[in-house]
N, C-alpha and C. Protein backbone atom coordinates (compact mmCIF):
# COMPACT_ATOMS: atom_id res chain seq x y z
N MET A 1 -27.69 21.46 18.18
CA MET A 1 -27.07 22.51 16.78
C MET A 1 -27.91 22.02 15.86
N SER A 2 -28.01 23.28 14.78
CA SER A 2 -28.57 23.06 13.89
C SER A 2 -27.94 22.18 12.55
N PRO A 3 -28.76 21.84 11.80
CA PRO A 3 -27.90 21.03 10.70
C PRO A 3 -26.80 22.16 9.53
N TYR A 4 -26.86 23.34 10.10
CA TYR A 4 -26.39 24.53 9.09
C TYR A 4 -25.35 24.67 9.98
N GLU A 5 -25.14 24.61 11.32
CA GLU A 5 -24.03 24.46 12.07
C GLU A 5 -22.98 23.31 11.56
N TYR A 6 -23.62 21.89 11.88
CA TYR A 6 -23.18 20.75 12.00
C TYR A 6 -22.29 21.01 10.13
N ALA A 7 -23.01 21.76 9.25
CA ALA A 7 -22.38 21.35 8.33
C ALA A 7 -21.34 22.42 8.31
N ASP A 8 -21.63 23.76 8.98
CA ASP A 8 -20.45 24.93 8.77
C ASP A 8 -19.18 24.07 9.63
N LEU A 9 -19.73 23.27 10.43
CA LEU A 9 -18.45 23.03 11.44
C LEU A 9 -17.82 21.85 10.83
N ALA A 10 -18.53 21.06 9.87
CA ALA A 10 -17.95 20.07 8.87
C ALA A 10 -16.73 20.67 7.93
N GLN A 11 -17.31 21.82 7.07
CA GLN A 11 -16.68 22.91 6.36
C GLN A 11 -15.35 22.74 6.91
N SER A 12 -15.08 23.72 8.10
CA SER A 12 -14.28 24.14 8.79
C SER A 12 -13.12 22.95 9.14
N THR A 13 -13.64 21.73 9.28
CA THR A 13 -12.83 21.05 10.00
C THR A 13 -11.91 20.78 8.80
N PHE A 14 -12.85 19.95 7.37
CA PHE A 14 -12.48 19.89 5.89
C PHE A 14 -11.04 20.81 5.57
N GLY A 15 -11.34 22.23 5.94
CA GLY A 15 -10.52 23.15 5.44
C GLY A 15 -9.51 23.19 6.04
N ASN A 16 -9.31 22.88 7.60
CA ASN A 16 -7.97 22.43 8.17
C ASN A 16 -7.37 21.24 7.86
N ALA A 17 -8.56 20.17 7.57
CA ALA A 17 -6.98 19.12 6.81
C ALA A 17 -6.63 19.55 5.82
N ILE A 18 -7.16 20.60 4.27
CA ILE A 18 -6.82 20.58 3.74
C ILE A 18 -5.48 21.94 3.60
N SER A 19 -5.48 22.83 4.98
CA SER A 19 -4.48 23.16 5.34
C SER A 19 -3.26 22.50 5.75
N SER A 20 -3.67 21.52 6.24
CA SER A 20 -2.67 20.46 6.86
C SER A 20 -1.54 20.05 5.57
N PHE A 21 -2.44 19.74 4.92
CA PHE A 21 -1.75 19.16 3.44
C PHE A 21 -0.83 20.19 2.75
N ALA A 22 -1.32 21.52 2.70
CA ALA A 22 -0.14 22.30 2.27
C ALA A 22 0.75 22.25 2.83
N VAL A 23 0.91 22.21 4.49
CA VAL A 23 2.00 22.46 5.21
C VAL A 23 2.52 21.32 5.22
N ILE A 24 2.22 20.03 4.98
CA ILE A 24 2.68 19.19 4.18
C ILE A 24 3.91 19.01 3.66
N LEU A 25 2.93 19.30 2.26
CA LEU A 25 3.53 19.40 1.12
C LEU A 25 4.66 20.26 1.39
N SER A 26 4.72 21.76 1.95
CA SER A 26 5.72 22.20 2.19
C SER A 26 7.04 22.09 3.09
N ILE A 27 7.18 21.06 4.26
CA ILE A 27 7.65 20.69 4.72
C ILE A 27 8.76 19.41 3.93
N VAL A 28 7.84 18.72 3.12
CA VAL A 28 8.36 17.51 2.53
C VAL A 28 9.36 18.18 1.23
N SER A 29 8.81 19.00 0.91
CA SER A 29 9.40 19.82 -0.26
C SER A 29 10.82 20.39 0.40
N GLY A 30 10.81 20.81 1.36
CA GLY A 30 12.03 21.40 2.08
C GLY A 30 12.72 20.23 2.46
N TYR A 31 12.83 19.67 3.25
CA TYR A 31 13.11 18.46 3.17
C TYR A 31 14.12 17.89 1.98
N LEU A 32 13.26 17.45 0.90
CA LEU A 32 13.88 17.08 -0.09
C LEU A 32 14.68 17.82 -1.11
N ILE A 33 14.61 18.88 -0.77
CA ILE A 33 15.73 20.04 -1.02
C ILE A 33 17.07 20.25 -0.12
N THR A 34 16.69 19.84 0.77
CA THR A 34 17.81 20.06 1.87
C THR A 34 18.69 18.93 1.81
N ALA A 35 18.06 17.63 1.26
CA ALA A 35 18.45 16.80 0.89
C ALA A 35 19.23 16.42 0.03
N TYR A 36 18.88 16.78 -0.90
CA TYR A 36 19.32 16.95 -2.64
C TYR A 36 20.44 18.09 -2.64
N LEU A 37 20.35 18.95 -2.25
CA LEU A 37 21.36 20.39 -2.29
C LEU A 37 23.00 19.96 -1.30
N VAL A 38 22.08 20.06 0.13
CA VAL A 38 23.71 19.74 1.07
C VAL A 38 23.80 18.26 1.78
N GLY A 39 22.57 17.34 1.55
CA GLY A 39 22.52 16.39 2.30
C GLY A 39 23.59 15.62 2.34
N ALA A 40 24.65 15.51 1.54
CA ALA A 40 25.60 15.04 1.29
C ALA A 40 27.30 15.65 1.84
N LYS A 41 26.43 16.59 2.12
CA LYS A 41 27.64 17.36 2.74
C LYS A 41 27.15 17.93 4.41
N LEU A 42 26.07 17.38 5.10
CA LEU A 42 25.89 17.29 6.19
C LEU A 42 26.94 16.10 6.85
N ASN A 43 27.27 16.57 8.26
CA ASN A 43 27.60 15.21 9.31
C ASN A 43 26.62 14.81 10.02
N ARG A 44 26.61 13.84 10.51
CA ARG A 44 25.89 12.79 11.31
C ARG A 44 24.91 13.06 11.96
N THR A 45 25.40 14.25 12.86
CA THR A 45 24.82 15.01 14.11
C THR A 45 23.43 15.74 13.16
N GLN A 46 24.16 16.69 11.86
CA GLN A 46 23.08 17.58 11.73
C GLN A 46 21.93 16.61 10.69
N VAL A 47 22.61 15.29 9.91
CA VAL A 47 21.50 14.64 9.66
C VAL A 47 20.46 14.52 10.83
N THR A 48 21.24 13.99 11.86
CA THR A 48 20.03 13.25 12.67
C THR A 48 19.28 14.40 13.15
N ILE A 49 19.47 15.69 13.64
CA ILE A 49 18.89 16.67 13.91
C ILE A 49 17.95 16.99 12.87
N LEU A 50 18.43 17.37 12.00
CA LEU A 50 17.15 17.39 10.55
C LEU A 50 15.99 16.37 10.69
N THR A 51 16.62 14.90 10.31
CA THR A 51 15.61 14.08 10.07
C THR A 51 14.82 14.03 11.70
N THR A 52 15.48 14.08 12.76
CA THR A 52 14.57 14.22 14.26
C THR A 52 13.26 15.17 13.77
N MET A 53 13.96 16.59 13.62
CA MET A 53 12.95 17.38 13.17
C MET A 53 11.70 17.11 12.22
N PHE A 54 12.11 16.40 11.41
CA PHE A 54 11.40 16.16 10.35
C PHE A 54 10.27 15.28 10.94
N LEU A 55 10.43 14.11 11.38
CA LEU A 55 10.09 13.13 12.16
C LEU A 55 8.73 13.70 12.85
N LEU A 56 9.34 14.41 13.51
CA LEU A 56 8.33 14.86 14.88
C LEU A 56 7.16 15.74 14.35
N VAL A 57 7.73 16.86 13.20
CA VAL A 57 6.74 17.53 12.79
C VAL A 57 5.90 16.78 11.75
N MET A 58 6.48 15.65 10.88
CA MET A 58 5.63 14.96 10.06
C MET A 58 4.47 14.23 10.87
N GLY A 59 5.01 13.57 12.19
CA GLY A 59 3.98 12.81 12.61
C GLY A 59 3.04 13.62 13.47
N LEU A 60 3.36 14.85 13.76
CA LEU A 60 2.31 15.71 14.20
C LEU A 60 1.20 16.00 13.23
N LEU A 61 1.45 16.24 11.89
CA LEU A 61 1.21 16.84 11.04
C LEU A 61 -0.10 15.80 10.48
N THR A 62 0.68 14.31 10.48
CA THR A 62 -0.06 13.31 10.13
C THR A 62 -1.34 13.10 11.06
N TRP A 63 -1.05 13.22 12.32
CA TRP A 63 -2.13 12.79 13.02
C TRP A 63 -3.16 14.22 13.06
N SER A 64 -2.78 15.27 13.00
CA SER A 64 -3.91 16.05 12.87
C SER A 64 -4.44 16.11 11.55
N MET A 65 -3.84 15.95 10.47
CA MET A 65 -4.58 15.80 8.99
C MET A 65 -5.57 14.71 9.18
N SER A 66 -5.19 13.23 9.74
CA SER A 66 -5.86 12.47 9.74
C SER A 66 -7.29 12.85 10.76
N ALA A 67 -6.86 13.27 12.25
CA ALA A 67 -8.30 13.63 12.92
C ALA A 67 -8.96 14.67 12.13
N TYR A 68 -8.71 15.71 11.41
CA TYR A 68 -9.20 16.69 10.85
C TYR A 68 -10.03 15.83 9.99
N THR A 69 -9.56 15.22 9.00
CA THR A 69 -10.46 14.35 8.15
C THR A 69 -12.19 13.46 9.02
N TYR A 70 -11.20 12.80 9.98
CA TYR A 70 -12.05 12.02 10.52
C TYR A 70 -13.46 12.74 11.11
N TRP A 71 -13.25 14.18 11.89
CA TRP A 71 -13.98 14.61 12.44
C TRP A 71 -14.78 15.32 11.59
N GLY A 72 -14.54 15.75 10.06
CA GLY A 72 -15.04 16.09 9.04
C GLY A 72 -16.10 15.51 8.75
N TYR A 73 -15.81 14.42 8.27
CA TYR A 73 -16.85 13.31 8.12
C TYR A 73 -17.77 12.99 9.34
N PHE A 74 -17.22 12.81 10.39
CA PHE A 74 -18.31 12.76 11.77
C PHE A 74 -19.46 14.05 11.94
N TRP A 75 -18.86 15.01 11.78
CA TRP A 75 -19.73 16.45 11.42
C TRP A 75 -20.71 15.95 10.69
N SER A 76 -19.90 15.74 9.47
CA SER A 76 -20.91 15.73 7.92
C SER A 76 -22.04 14.98 8.22
N THR A 77 -21.93 13.72 8.81
CA THR A 77 -22.68 12.45 9.05
C THR A 77 -24.07 13.31 10.12
N LEU A 78 -23.95 14.52 10.64
CA LEU A 78 -24.85 14.67 11.61
C LEU A 78 -25.67 15.76 11.13
N VAL A 79 -24.94 16.45 10.01
CA VAL A 79 -26.11 17.13 9.40
C VAL A 79 -27.56 16.37 8.66
N ASN A 80 -27.58 15.20 8.26
CA ASN A 80 -28.53 14.89 8.25
C ASN A 80 -28.85 13.68 9.08
N PRO A 81 -30.20 13.63 9.85
CA PRO A 81 -30.38 12.69 10.97
C PRO A 81 -30.45 11.07 10.49
N GLU A 82 -30.63 11.06 9.47
CA GLU A 82 -30.71 9.42 8.68
C GLU A 82 -29.12 8.94 9.02
N THR A 83 -27.78 9.62 8.64
CA THR A 83 -26.58 9.42 8.04
C THR A 83 -26.33 9.31 9.76
N ALA A 84 -26.60 9.44 11.02
CA ALA A 84 -25.64 10.05 12.08
C ALA A 84 -25.64 8.19 12.56
N GLY A 85 -25.91 7.50 12.42
CA GLY A 85 -25.40 6.49 12.86
C GLY A 85 -24.85 5.05 11.90
N GLN A 86 -23.79 5.77 11.32
CA GLN A 86 -22.87 5.11 10.35
C GLN A 86 -21.94 3.80 10.70
N SER A 87 -22.01 3.40 9.75
CA SER A 87 -21.34 1.60 10.59
C SER A 87 -19.92 2.08 10.00
N LEU A 88 -18.82 1.66 10.48
CA LEU A 88 -17.45 1.93 10.65
C LEU A 88 -16.39 1.58 9.18
N MET A 89 -17.76 1.36 8.48
CA MET A 89 -17.01 1.15 6.83
C MET A 89 -17.87 2.59 6.35
N SER A 90 -18.17 3.42 6.89
CA SER A 90 -18.33 4.76 6.63
C SER A 90 -16.99 5.59 5.91
N PRO A 91 -17.23 6.52 5.20
CA PRO A 91 -16.00 7.41 4.68
C PRO A 91 -14.86 7.64 6.00
N ARG A 92 -15.80 8.07 7.06
CA ARG A 92 -14.90 8.47 8.14
C ARG A 92 -14.04 7.70 8.77
N ALA A 93 -14.03 6.46 8.42
CA ALA A 93 -13.51 5.37 8.96
C ALA A 93 -12.18 5.03 8.15
N TRP A 94 -12.52 4.68 6.86
CA TRP A 94 -11.60 4.46 5.82
C TRP A 94 -10.57 5.61 5.67
N ILE A 95 -11.09 6.88 5.30
CA ILE A 95 -10.43 7.84 4.68
C ILE A 95 -9.19 8.19 5.62
N SER A 96 -9.66 8.56 6.98
CA SER A 96 -9.22 8.89 7.56
C SER A 96 -7.46 8.10 8.07
N GLY A 97 -8.00 6.70 7.85
CA GLY A 97 -6.71 5.66 8.14
C GLY A 97 -5.99 5.85 6.81
N ALA A 98 -6.60 5.89 5.57
CA ALA A 98 -5.60 6.31 4.03
C ALA A 98 -4.79 7.21 3.82
N VAL A 99 -5.61 8.48 4.44
CA VAL A 99 -4.59 9.57 4.79
C VAL A 99 -3.57 9.21 5.24
N ALA A 100 -3.49 8.75 7.08
CA ALA A 100 -2.47 8.72 7.61
C ALA A 100 -1.60 7.69 6.58
N ILE A 101 -1.89 6.55 6.17
CA ILE A 101 -1.13 5.83 5.71
C ILE A 101 -0.47 6.30 4.12
N LEU A 102 -1.12 7.26 3.68
CA LEU A 102 -0.55 8.08 2.61
C LEU A 102 1.05 9.16 3.10
N ASN A 103 0.58 9.73 3.93
CA ASN A 103 1.22 10.43 4.90
C ASN A 103 2.60 9.76 4.99
N LEU A 104 2.41 8.42 5.89
CA LEU A 104 3.21 7.67 6.58
C LEU A 104 4.44 7.23 5.47
N PHE A 105 3.75 6.83 4.06
CA PHE A 105 4.33 6.29 2.48
C PHE A 105 5.09 7.26 2.13
N THR A 106 4.62 8.87 2.07
CA THR A 106 5.75 10.20 2.16
C THR A 106 6.93 9.81 2.74
N LEU A 107 6.57 10.16 3.95
CA LEU A 107 7.51 10.22 5.05
C LEU A 107 8.56 8.89 4.91
N ALA A 108 8.54 7.88 4.67
CA ALA A 108 9.73 6.75 4.35
C ALA A 108 10.11 6.98 2.89
N MET A 109 9.39 7.49 2.16
CA MET A 109 10.09 7.46 1.00
C MET A 109 11.13 8.92 1.16
N CYS A 110 10.88 10.11 1.82
CA CYS A 110 11.52 11.06 2.15
C CYS A 110 13.11 10.65 2.52
N LEU A 111 12.79 9.63 3.77
CA LEU A 111 14.00 9.42 4.47
C LEU A 111 15.02 8.21 3.61
N LEU A 112 14.10 7.80 2.84
CA LEU A 112 14.73 6.42 1.76
C LEU A 112 15.85 7.45 0.79
N PHE A 113 15.16 8.74 0.25
CA PHE A 113 15.80 9.84 -0.57
C PHE A 113 17.07 10.32 0.08
N MET A 114 17.01 10.75 1.34
CA MET A 114 17.99 10.89 2.32
C MET A 114 18.97 10.03 2.15
N TRP A 115 18.82 8.98 2.63
CA TRP A 115 19.42 7.77 2.86
C TRP A 115 20.55 7.74 1.15
N ASN A 116 19.59 7.73 0.56
CA ASN A 116 20.51 7.53 -0.45
C ASN A 116 21.45 8.12 -1.06
N VAL A 117 20.77 9.70 -0.60
CA VAL A 117 21.69 10.91 -0.86
C VAL A 117 23.34 10.40 -0.21
N ARG A 118 23.28 10.12 0.83
CA ARG A 118 23.98 10.15 1.80
C ARG A 118 25.05 8.74 1.36
N ARG A 119 24.40 8.04 1.15
CA ARG A 119 24.58 6.74 0.51
C ARG A 119 25.67 6.88 -0.62
N ALA A 120 25.20 8.09 -1.59
CA ALA A 120 25.92 7.96 -2.98
C ALA A 120 27.26 8.97 -2.67
N LYS A 121 27.52 9.64 -1.49
CA LYS A 121 28.58 10.63 -0.65
C LYS A 121 29.33 9.37 -0.68
N ALA A 122 29.18 8.18 0.26
CA ALA A 122 30.04 7.02 0.92
C ALA A 122 30.77 6.50 -0.42
N THR A 123 30.11 6.66 -1.64
CA THR A 123 30.57 5.33 -2.37
C THR A 123 31.36 6.12 -3.71
N ALA A 124 31.19 7.33 -3.26
CA ALA A 124 31.49 8.61 -4.25
C ALA A 124 33.13 8.46 -4.47
N PRO A 125 34.12 8.53 -5.09
CA PRO A 125 35.42 8.52 -5.34
C PRO A 125 35.93 10.01 -4.79
């Protein structure tokens, strides 16, 4: 493949990562709004179903966003033959991990928010 094709592939992969971020932001917003508005009114089964779906979707999106970031950096290193053999300290190694950690932190904060809303219901008179 030519350097142009590698650059185009890298750009497309980074575009997919950014699109994944937009979907994650939408899913997180929907979960937080649902938790705030009706979290205290849902019964245990409804919360379990909602949270399970949220965890599955966020897990898939976290994996895909991390993979897109990793492969985007991989393809971008092939544009220039001098950077093709970068070490594990290259951006593709630590940025994709940082993306996954940030998404998992966001996931934990969303679950904590739902738990606090549900706990407030239990302590309310």
